[in-house]
């Protein structure tokens, strides 16, 4: 699986990191991250990049 380095999440039914189909844009995305180490890594990098833009980190 190839990881997308230019994250542009235009469709919530697909993973923005690999383009794979998600069964559910919410919980399905979280499940997908647990099953795909490359996508989980991409998400962590993305999260680190935007964490300073979100006051108080993530609420939850």
Protein backbone atom coordinates (compact mmCIF):
# COMPACT_ATOMS: atom_id res chain seq x y z
CA UNK A 1 0.00 0.00 0.00
CA UNK A 2 1.37 3.38 -0.96
CA UNK A 3 0.95 6.31 1.40
CA UNK A 4 -0.22 9.64 0.05
CA UNK A 5 2.17 12.39 1.16
CA UNK A 6 -0.09 15.25 0.07
CA UNK A 7 -3.05 14.78 2.36
CA UNK A 8 -6.18 16.24 0.81
CA UNK A 9 -9.20 14.61 2.39
CA UNK A 10 -11.82 15.45 -0.21
CA UNK A 11 -13.94 12.33 0.35
CA UNK A 12 -14.64 11.11 3.91
CA UNK A 13 -15.33 7.61 2.55
CA UNK A 14 -11.65 7.18 1.58
CA UNK A 15 -8.46 7.30 3.64
CA UNK A 16 -6.55 10.52 2.93
CA UNK A 17 -3.24 8.70 3.37
CA UNK A 18 -3.66 5.67 1.12
CA UNK A 19 -6.89 6.33 -0.79
CA UNK A 20 -8.43 3.10 0.50
CA UNK A 21 -12.18 2.79 0.99
CA UNK A 22 -13.47 3.29 4.53
CA UNK A 23 -16.62 1.47 5.67
CA UNK A 24 -17.46 4.45 7.89
CA UNK A 25 -15.81 7.90 7.88
CA UNK A 26 -15.73 8.05 11.70
CA UNK A 27 -15.12 4.77 13.46
CA UNK A 28 -14.09 3.14 10.18
CA UNK A 29 -11.23 5.61 9.85
CA UNK A 30 -10.04 4.88 13.39
CA UNK A 31 -10.27 1.12 12.73
CA UNK A 32 -8.36 1.59 9.47
CA UNK A 33 -5.54 3.39 11.30
CA UNK A 34 -5.28 0.43 13.68
CA UNK A 35 -4.98 -1.95 10.74
CA UNK A 36 -2.57 0.12 8.63
CA UNK A 37 0.72 1.16 10.26
CA UNK A 38 1.61 3.39 7.29
CA UNK A 39 -1.66 5.31 7.54
CA UNK A 40 -1.38 5.53 11.33
CA UNK A 41 2.10 6.98 10.93
CA UNK A 42 0.84 9.47 8.34
CA UNK A 43 -1.98 10.49 10.66
CA UNK A 44 0.43 11.05 13.56
CA UNK A 45 2.64 13.27 11.38
CA UNK A 46 -0.44 15.20 10.23
CA UNK A 47 -1.67 15.53 13.81
CA UNK A 48 1.70 16.86 15.00
CA UNK A 49 1.65 19.43 12.18
CA UNK A 50 -1.80 20.78 13.08
CA UNK A 51 -1.69 20.37 16.88
CA UNK A 52 -0.39 23.92 17.32
CA UNK A 53 -3.31 25.24 15.28
CA UNK A 54 -5.89 23.66 17.59
CA UNK A 55 -6.21 25.50 20.91
CA UNK A 56 -6.04 23.15 23.85
CA UNK A 57 -5.01 20.17 21.68
CA UNK A 58 -7.92 17.76 20.99
CA UNK A 59 -11.08 17.78 23.08
CA UNK A 60 -11.99 14.37 22.34
